[in-house]
Amino acid sequence: KEETTLRSVDIEALTPGMILARSIINDDMIVVLSEGTMLTKAHITRLGFLGVPSAYIKDEYELSEAFQNVAAIFNPASAFVTEYKEVIHTAREIFDEAGKSDKPPVEKSKTMVKETLAPMAKQSGAIDYLLEVNHLASDIYNHSVRVSVLAGVLAKWMMLSAAETQDLILAGFLHDIGKTKFPPRLIDKQVEHLKGEDLDAYMQHTIDGNRMLSASNELSEGVKLAALQHHECMDGSGFPFNLKGADIHLYARIIGLANLYDNITTEREGQKKHTPFAAIDQITQDMYTKLDPHVCVPFLKHLKETFLGSKVKLNTGLVGNIVRYENDFSSKPLIRVSQKEIIDLNKSPEIKIIEYNPK
């Protein structure tokens, strides 16, 4: 975004209704408020209490329809974001209908995949564009749309057929449909933070999802099993049935990886902000235990290629560009921070990437 489309406003001058143009992150890299948040009186009071001196606010021009139309023409990411925001409304309708009727509207879901989600996944910049929207919300609708697009990208990188790709995108969109039966207290919870009855109730969403989808003859077995098995792990440590290896459907293995990547990279208020490189580290760590290496290898290979040349900020305060990776899936990037200095993160484990494409 150009500086002319936003303005810095002192905390004392903020008023309810203003919209944040940049996320506010504290010194510990915890997200205080996400970009796109419409400020309330409580938000402004909280920022003052935390000693935040100012915030970047979207000005009237950036919010205008004229700006959005022009931005979409000159910036593919803006066009992707606009399309993403529009499809979320349809996603919400589908999930709301499924929650009330116990039957997801399959035809409506398939139409959305064919007309919108599949074309979004085909775009060459889809991975970067998804990082543009990962601050919008972590709710079930946003998460499901992002996982479906990621699944489509993965299918392309794995060179699956057009029919399999379309089916896999549908599986990604419907994988969490069982969460429409969640107790309200669990909606925004992550599984790693749960135990006891809450954990049991969370695990039930895979079984509920499979049950809801199994009632339809219009869905493939892969789509139904992706809902049931996307939390299963190759080493048998997953749920709900501790399945291993070949007993887990390929769709579920792919959706499981896309699910992990989105969960790590999605910005959540009150939690540490992670970069896609944190996701790469986790996937690399799990690829021969919990995850399927046949899915992870093409994902890591293409993901690293996507990030070549990108600007990153290090925990030392230095900003540089990714120049290359060693020929090793466990390797970290080499960062050029000046004409004379390249930092090899493999040899300097204390140095971390804390921001991708810093503004």
Protein backbone atom coordinates (compact mmCIF):
# COMPACT_ATOMS: atom_id res chain seq x y z
CA LYS A 1 0.00 0.00 0.00
CA GLU A 2 1.21 3.49 -0.77
CA GLU A 3 1.69 5.86 2.12
CA THR A 4 -0.76 8.30 0.48
CA THR A 5 -3.64 5.90 1.13
CA LEU A 6 -3.24 5.87 4.89
CA ARG A 7 -2.38 8.32 7.60
CA SER A 8 -0.82 8.14 11.03
CA VAL A 9 -3.15 9.37 13.78
CA ASP A 10 -2.19 10.06 17.41
CA ILE A 11 -4.05 7.83 19.86
CA GLU A 12 -5.72 10.89 21.41
CA ALA A 13 -7.20 11.76 18.00
CA LEU A 14 -8.62 8.30 17.20
CA THR A 15 -12.39 8.02 17.09
CA PRO A 16 -14.70 4.97 17.00
CA GLY A 17 -15.44 3.84 13.44
CA MET A 18 -11.94 4.46 12.09
CA ILE A 19 -10.37 1.43 10.40
CA LEU A 20 -6.80 0.26 11.04
CA ALA A 21 -4.59 0.26 7.94
CA ARG A 22 -1.81 -1.72 9.64
CA SER A 23 -1.81 -4.31 12.40
CA ILE A 24 -0.53 -3.12 15.77
CA ILE A 25 2.06 -5.52 17.18
CA ASN A 26 3.91 -5.14 20.47
CA ASP A 27 7.62 -5.68 21.17
CA ASP A 28 7.01 -9.39 21.82
CA MET A 29 5.43 -9.73 18.34
CA ILE A 30 2.00 -10.29 19.88
CA VAL A 31 -0.84 -8.99 17.70
CA VAL A 32 -2.66 -6.29 19.68
CA LEU A 33 -5.15 -5.35 16.95
CA SER A 34 -5.35 -6.62 13.38
CA GLU A 35 -5.36 -4.61 10.17
CA GLY A 36 -8.91 -3.95 9.04
CA THR A 37 -10.29 -3.68 12.59
CA MET A 38 -13.02 -1.05 12.95
CA LEU A 39 -12.05 0.75 16.13
CA THR A 40 -14.40 0.95 19.10
CA LYS A 41 -14.08 3.11 22.20
CA ALA A 42 -12.75 0.05 24.06
CA HIS A 43 -10.06 -0.53 21.42
CA ILE A 44 -8.87 3.07 21.68
CA THR A 45 -8.80 2.93 25.49
CA ARG A 46 -6.79 -0.32 25.32
CA LEU A 47 -4.23 1.20 22.94
CA GLY A 48 -3.81 4.19 25.24
CA PHE A 49 -3.34 1.93 28.24
CA LEU A 50 -0.65 -0.04 26.36
CA GLY A 51 1.20 3.16 25.52
CA VAL A 52 0.76 2.89 21.76
CA PRO A 53 1.51 6.44 20.52
CA SER A 54 -0.25 6.35 17.15
CA ALA A 55 -1.92 4.11 14.59
CA TYR A 56 -2.19 4.02 10.81
CA ILE A 57 -5.77 4.62 9.70
CA LYS A 58 -7.36 4.08 6.29
CA ASP A 59 -8.37 7.43 4.85
CA GLU A 60 -11.63 8.13 3.04
CA TYR A 61 -10.06 7.73 -0.41
CA GLU A 62 -8.78 4.24 0.31
CA LEU A 63 -12.21 3.23 1.56
CA SER A 64 -14.02 4.68 -1.47
CA GLU A 65 -15.42 2.46 -4.23
CA ALA A 66 -13.42 4.39 -6.84
CA PHE A 67 -10.13 3.58 -5.12
CA GLN A 68 -11.02 -0.09 -4.76
CA ASN A 69 -11.84 -0.35 -8.49
CA VAL A 70 -8.61 1.36 -9.58
CA ALA A 71 -6.51 -0.62 -7.08
CA ALA A 72 -7.92 -3.90 -8.43
CA ILE A 73 -6.84 -2.97 -11.95
CA PHE A 74 -3.25 -2.14 -11.02
CA ASN A 75 -2.73 -4.54 -8.12
CA PRO A 76 -3.61 -8.24 -8.57
CA ALA A 77 -3.41 -8.73 -4.80
CA SER A 78 -6.17 -6.15 -4.33
CA ALA A 79 -8.31 -7.97 -6.89
CA PHE A 80 -7.70 -11.27 -5.06
CA VAL A 81 -8.57 -9.68 -1.69
CA THR A 82 -11.75 -8.16 -3.12
CA GLU A 83 -12.81 -11.52 -4.56
CA TYR A 84 -11.90 -13.23 -1.28
CA LYS A 85 -14.07 -10.85 0.75
CA GLU A 86 -17.00 -11.44 -1.59
CA VAL A 87 -16.77 -15.24 -1.46
CA ILE A 88 -16.74 -15.18 2.36
CA HIS A 89 -20.40 -14.10 2.29
CA THR A 90 -21.31 -17.21 0.29
CA ALA A 91 -19.19 -19.39 2.58
CA ARG A 92 -20.99 -18.03 5.62
CA GLU A 93 -24.39 -18.76 4.04
CA ILE A 94 -23.34 -22.34 3.26
CA PHE A 95 -22.08 -23.03 6.78
CA ASP A 96 -25.09 -21.37 8.41
CA GLU A 97 -27.45 -23.47 6.28
CA ALA A 98 -25.50 -26.64 7.11
CA GLY A 99 -25.65 -25.86 10.82
CA LYS A 100 -29.42 -25.43 10.75
CA SER A 101 -30.39 -28.27 8.42
CA ASP A 102 -27.57 -30.76 9.18
CA LYS A 103 -27.10 -30.99 5.39
CA PRO A 104 -24.56 -28.76 3.64
CA PRO A 105 -25.85 -27.29 0.34
CA VAL A 106 -23.63 -29.37 -1.93
CA GLU A 107 -24.62 -27.82 -5.26
CA LYS A 108 -24.04 -24.30 -3.95
CA SER A 109 -20.65 -25.39 -2.59
CA LYS A 110 -19.64 -26.97 -5.90
CA THR A 111 -20.66 -23.85 -7.82
CA MET A 112 -18.58 -21.65 -5.53
CA VAL A 113 -15.56 -23.95 -5.99
CA LYS A 114 -15.89 -24.00 -9.78
CA GLU A 115 -16.59 -20.30 -10.30
CA THR A 116 -14.47 -18.68 -7.60
CA LEU A 117 -12.20 -20.84 -5.41
CA ALA A 118 -10.60 -22.89 -8.21
CA PRO A 119 -9.70 -19.77 -10.27
CA MET A 120 -8.27 -18.14 -7.12
CA ALA A 121 -6.08 -21.20 -6.49
CA LYS A 122 -4.77 -21.11 -10.07
CA GLN A 123 -3.37 -17.58 -9.72
CA SER A 124 0.42 -17.61 -9.65
CA GLY A 125 0.54 -15.28 -6.65
CA ALA A 126 -2.04 -17.18 -4.58
CA ILE A 127 0.33 -17.94 -1.67
CA ASP A 128 1.35 -14.29 -1.31
CA TYR A 129 -2.23 -13.13 -1.74
CA LEU A 130 -3.39 -15.46 1.04
CA LEU A 131 -0.85 -13.80 3.33
CA GLU A 132 -2.57 -10.50 2.47
CA VAL A 133 -5.83 -11.79 3.96
CA ASN A 134 -4.63 -13.92 6.88
CA HIS A 135 -5.32 -11.04 9.28
CA LEU A 136 -8.99 -10.71 8.30
CA ALA A 137 -10.37 -13.37 10.64
CA SER A 138 -9.63 -16.79 12.04
CA ASP A 139 -13.29 -17.90 12.02
CA ILE A 140 -14.54 -21.06 10.37
CA TYR A 141 -15.62 -19.32 7.13
CA ASN A 142 -12.32 -17.55 6.49
CA HIS A 143 -10.27 -20.58 7.53
CA SER A 144 -12.24 -22.92 5.27
CA VAL A 145 -11.89 -20.64 2.23
CA ARG A 146 -8.14 -20.23 2.79
CA VAL A 147 -7.59 -23.99 3.28
CA SER A 148 -9.55 -24.72 0.10
CA VAL A 149 -7.38 -22.30 -1.93
CA LEU A 150 -4.22 -23.75 -0.36
CA ALA A 151 -5.44 -27.25 -1.24
CA GLY A 152 -5.86 -26.13 -4.84
CA VAL A 153 -2.33 -24.70 -4.90
CA LEU A 154 -0.97 -27.94 -3.45
CA ALA A 155 -2.87 -29.97 -6.04
CA LYS A 156 -1.26 -27.90 -8.78
CA TRP A 157 2.20 -28.40 -7.29
CA MET A 158 1.56 -32.15 -6.97
CA MET A 159 0.36 -32.21 -10.61
CA LEU A 160 -2.99 -33.80 -9.78
CA SER A 161 -5.63 -33.98 -12.51
CA ALA A 162 -8.13 -31.16 -13.06
CA ALA A 163 -10.96 -33.31 -11.67
CA GLU A 164 -8.97 -34.26 -8.56
CA THR A 165 -7.96 -30.63 -8.03
CA GLN A 166 -11.56 -29.42 -8.14
CA ASP A 167 -12.63 -32.20 -5.78
CA LEU A 168 -9.75 -31.44 -3.41
CA ILE A 169 -10.67 -27.75 -3.27
CA LEU A 170 -14.21 -28.80 -2.34
CA ALA A 171 -12.76 -31.10 0.35
CA GLY A 172 -10.74 -28.18 1.71
CA PHE A 173 -13.80 -25.97 1.91
CA LEU A 174 -15.94 -28.61 3.65
CA HIS A 175 -13.29 -30.16 5.92
CA ASP A 176 -14.48 -28.27 9.04
CA ILE A 177 -18.22 -28.41 8.32
CA GLY A 178 -18.62 -30.42 11.54
CA LYS A 179 -17.70 -27.30 13.53
CA THR A 180 -21.19 -25.97 12.82
CA LYS A 181 -22.19 -28.32 15.67
CA PHE A 182 -19.60 -26.87 18.07
CA PRO A 183 -20.49 -25.60 21.53
CA PRO A 184 -20.09 -21.78 21.27
CA ARG A 185 -17.19 -21.77 23.77
CA LEU A 186 -15.03 -23.79 21.35
CA ILE A 187 -15.54 -21.76 18.16
CA ASP A 188 -12.31 -19.74 18.40
CA LYS A 189 -10.21 -22.30 20.27
CA GLN A 190 -7.13 -24.12 18.94
CA VAL A 191 -6.94 -27.85 19.64
CA GLU A 192 -3.53 -27.61 21.34
CA HIS A 193 -5.07 -25.43 24.06
CA LEU A 194 -7.85 -27.88 24.96
CA LYS A 195 -8.14 -30.80 27.36
CA GLY A 196 -10.73 -33.03 29.02
CA GLU A 197 -14.34 -32.61 27.89
CA ASP A 198 -13.45 -29.63 25.68
CA LEU A 199 -10.89 -31.71 23.79
CA ASP A 200 -13.41 -34.55 23.35
CA ALA A 201 -16.00 -32.08 22.04
CA TYR A 202 -13.45 -30.58 19.65
CA MET A 203 -12.43 -33.97 18.28
CA GLN A 204 -16.09 -34.73 17.62
CA HIS A 205 -16.18 -32.18 14.76
CA THR A 206 -14.40 -34.64 12.45
CA ILE A 207 -17.03 -37.32 13.08
CA ASP A 208 -19.91 -34.84 12.80
CA GLY A 209 -18.50 -33.47 9.55
CA ASN A 210 -18.18 -36.93 8.02
CA ARG A 211 -21.71 -37.80 9.13
CA MET A 212 -23.13 -34.62 7.55
CA LEU A 213 -21.30 -35.16 4.28
CA SER A 214 -22.00 -38.91 4.11
CA ALA A 215 -25.70 -38.18 3.65
CA SER A 216 -24.96 -36.81 0.16
CA ASN A 217 -24.50 -39.02 -2.90
CA GLU A 218 -23.06 -36.05 -4.80
CA LEU A 219 -19.80 -36.02 -2.83
CA SER A 220 -16.81 -38.28 -3.41
CA GLU A 221 -15.44 -40.60 -0.74
CA GLY A 222 -12.32 -38.41 -0.63
CA VAL A 223 -14.29 -35.30 0.34
CA LYS A 224 -16.09 -37.22 3.09
CA LEU A 225 -12.88 -38.80 4.43
CA ALA A 226 -11.05 -35.44 4.39
CA ALA A 227 -13.59 -34.17 6.93
CA LEU A 228 -13.12 -37.29 9.06
CA GLN A 229 -9.34 -37.72 8.81
CA HIS A 230 -7.72 -34.27 8.41
CA HIS A 231 -6.44 -34.43 12.01
CA GLU A 232 -5.03 -37.95 11.64
CA CYS A 233 -1.22 -38.24 11.53
CA MET A 234 1.01 -40.60 9.56
CA ASP A 235 2.60 -41.90 12.79
CA GLY A 236 -0.77 -42.68 14.41
CA SER A 237 -0.69 -39.75 16.85
CA GLY A 238 -3.75 -37.97 15.40
CA PHE A 239 -7.49 -38.24 15.96
CA PRO A 240 -10.25 -39.40 16.01
CA PHE A 241 -9.09 -42.99 15.30
CA ASN A 242 -5.25 -42.89 15.48
CA LEU A 243 -4.97 -44.04 11.87
CA LYS A 244 -1.55 -44.53 10.30
CA GLY A 245 0.04 -44.12 6.87
CA ALA A 246 -1.89 -45.60 3.96
CA ASP A 247 -5.07 -45.81 6.05
CA ILE A 248 -5.35 -42.01 5.76
CA HIS A 249 -6.87 -40.81 2.47
CA LEU A 250 -4.64 -38.64 0.25
CA TYR A 251 -7.13 -35.78 0.42
CA ALA A 252 -6.96 -35.83 4.23
CA ARG A 253 -3.14 -35.72 4.15
CA ILE A 254 -3.19 -32.72 1.83
CA ILE A 255 -5.92 -30.90 3.78
CA GLY A 256 -4.06 -31.66 7.01
CA LEU A 257 -0.97 -29.87 5.67
CA ALA A 258 -2.98 -26.91 4.33
CA ASN A 259 -4.80 -26.74 7.67
CA LEU A 260 -1.49 -26.63 9.58
CA TYR A 261 -0.02 -23.92 7.33
CA ASP A 262 -3.09 -21.70 7.67
CA ASN A 263 -3.30 -22.17 11.44
CA ILE A 264 0.34 -21.09 11.88
CA THR A 265 0.24 -18.12 9.51
CA THR A 266 -3.17 -16.72 10.47
CA GLU A 267 -2.89 -13.60 12.58
CA ARG A 268 -4.83 -13.84 15.86
CA GLU A 269 -5.32 -11.11 18.41
CA GLY A 270 -3.57 -11.89 21.68
CA GLN A 271 -1.24 -14.44 20.10
CA LYS A 272 2.28 -14.26 18.73
CA LYS A 273 2.46 -13.32 15.07
CA HIS A 274 4.15 -16.00 12.99
CA THR A 275 5.65 -15.75 9.52
CA PRO A 276 5.34 -18.38 6.76
CA PHE A 277 8.91 -19.35 7.67
CA ALA A 278 7.68 -20.56 11.05
CA ALA A 279 5.26 -22.78 9.13
CA ILE A 280 8.10 -24.05 6.93
CA ASP A 281 10.09 -24.91 10.07
CA GLN A 282 7.15 -26.82 11.60
CA ILE A 283 6.38 -28.70 8.38
CA THR A 284 10.06 -29.61 7.97
CA GLN A 285 10.11 -30.89 11.56
CA ASP A 286 6.95 -32.99 11.11
CA MET A 287 7.34 -34.22 7.53
CA TYR A 288 8.69 -37.66 8.41
CA THR A 289 6.50 -38.26 11.46
CA LYS A 290 3.06 -36.65 11.53
CA LEU A 291 2.89 -35.48 7.91
CA ASP A 292 3.23 -37.24 4.56
CA PRO A 293 6.60 -36.44 2.93
CA HIS A 294 5.09 -37.06 -0.52
CA VAL A 295 2.84 -34.06 0.14
CA CYS A 296 5.38 -31.98 2.08
CA VAL A 297 8.26 -32.18 -0.41
CA PRO A 298 6.50 -30.48 -3.35
CA PHE A 299 4.88 -27.99 -0.97
CA LEU A 300 8.20 -26.97 0.61
CA LYS A 301 10.02 -26.89 -2.72
CA HIS A 302 7.53 -24.56 -4.40
CA LEU A 303 6.87 -22.51 -1.26
CA LYS A 304 10.56 -21.69 -0.91
CA GLU A 305 10.75 -20.77 -4.58
CA THR A 306 7.76 -18.45 -4.05
CA PHE A 307 9.64 -16.56 -1.34
CA LEU A 308 12.93 -16.10 -3.22
CA GLY A 309 13.74 -12.40 -3.51
CA SER A 310 11.21 -11.46 -0.84
CA LYS A 311 12.04 -8.82 1.76
CA VAL A 312 12.18 -9.98 5.39
CA LYS A 313 12.94 -8.41 8.76
CA LEU A 314 15.21 -10.20 11.25
CA ASN A 315 15.12 -10.16 15.05
CA THR A 316 18.39 -8.21 14.91
CA GLY A 317 16.50 -5.31 13.34
CA LEU A 318 18.16 -5.81 9.94
CA VAL A 319 16.05 -5.97 6.78
CA GLY A 320 17.17 -7.98 3.75
CA ASN A 321 16.14 -10.16 0.83
CA ILE A 322 16.09 -13.95 0.50
CA VAL A 323 18.74 -14.80 -2.08
CA ARG A 324 18.72 -18.60 -2.03
CA TYR A 325 18.33 -21.87 -0.11
CA GLU A 326 20.78 -24.69 0.19
CA ASN A 327 19.73 -27.90 -1.57
CA ASP A 328 18.25 -29.39 1.55
CA PHE A 329 14.62 -29.46 2.66
CA SER A 330 15.63 -28.72 6.23
CA SER A 331 17.63 -25.64 5.26
CA LYS A 332 16.81 -22.05 6.09
CA PRO A 333 17.28 -19.15 3.66
CA LEU A 334 20.33 -16.99 3.07
CA ILE A 335 19.51 -13.30 3.54
CA ARG A 336 21.35 -10.44 1.82
CA VAL A 337 21.28 -7.46 4.21
CA SER A 338 23.77 -5.31 2.28
CA GLN A 339 25.94 -5.41 -0.84
CA LYS A 340 28.72 -6.96 1.23
CA GLU A 341 26.86 -9.10 3.77
CA ILE A 342 24.80 -12.27 3.41
CA ILE A 343 23.52 -13.95 6.56
CA ASP A 344 23.14 -17.74 6.44
CA LEU A 345 20.38 -18.58 8.94
CA ASN A 346 21.57 -22.21 8.94
CA LYS A 347 24.82 -21.10 10.58
CA SER A 348 23.22 -18.48 12.84
CA PRO A 349 20.28 -20.22 14.56
CA GLU A 350 19.89 -17.32 17.00
CA ILE A 351 18.82 -15.07 14.11
CA LYS A 352 15.15 -15.42 13.18
CA ILE A 353 12.85 -13.97 10.53
CA ILE A 354 10.17 -12.03 12.43
CA GLU A 355 8.37 -10.32 9.55
CA TYR A 356 7.67 -11.15 5.93
CA ASN A 357 7.41 -8.23 3.48
CA PRO A 358 7.72 -5.60 6.23
CA LYS A 359 5.86 -2.39 5.43
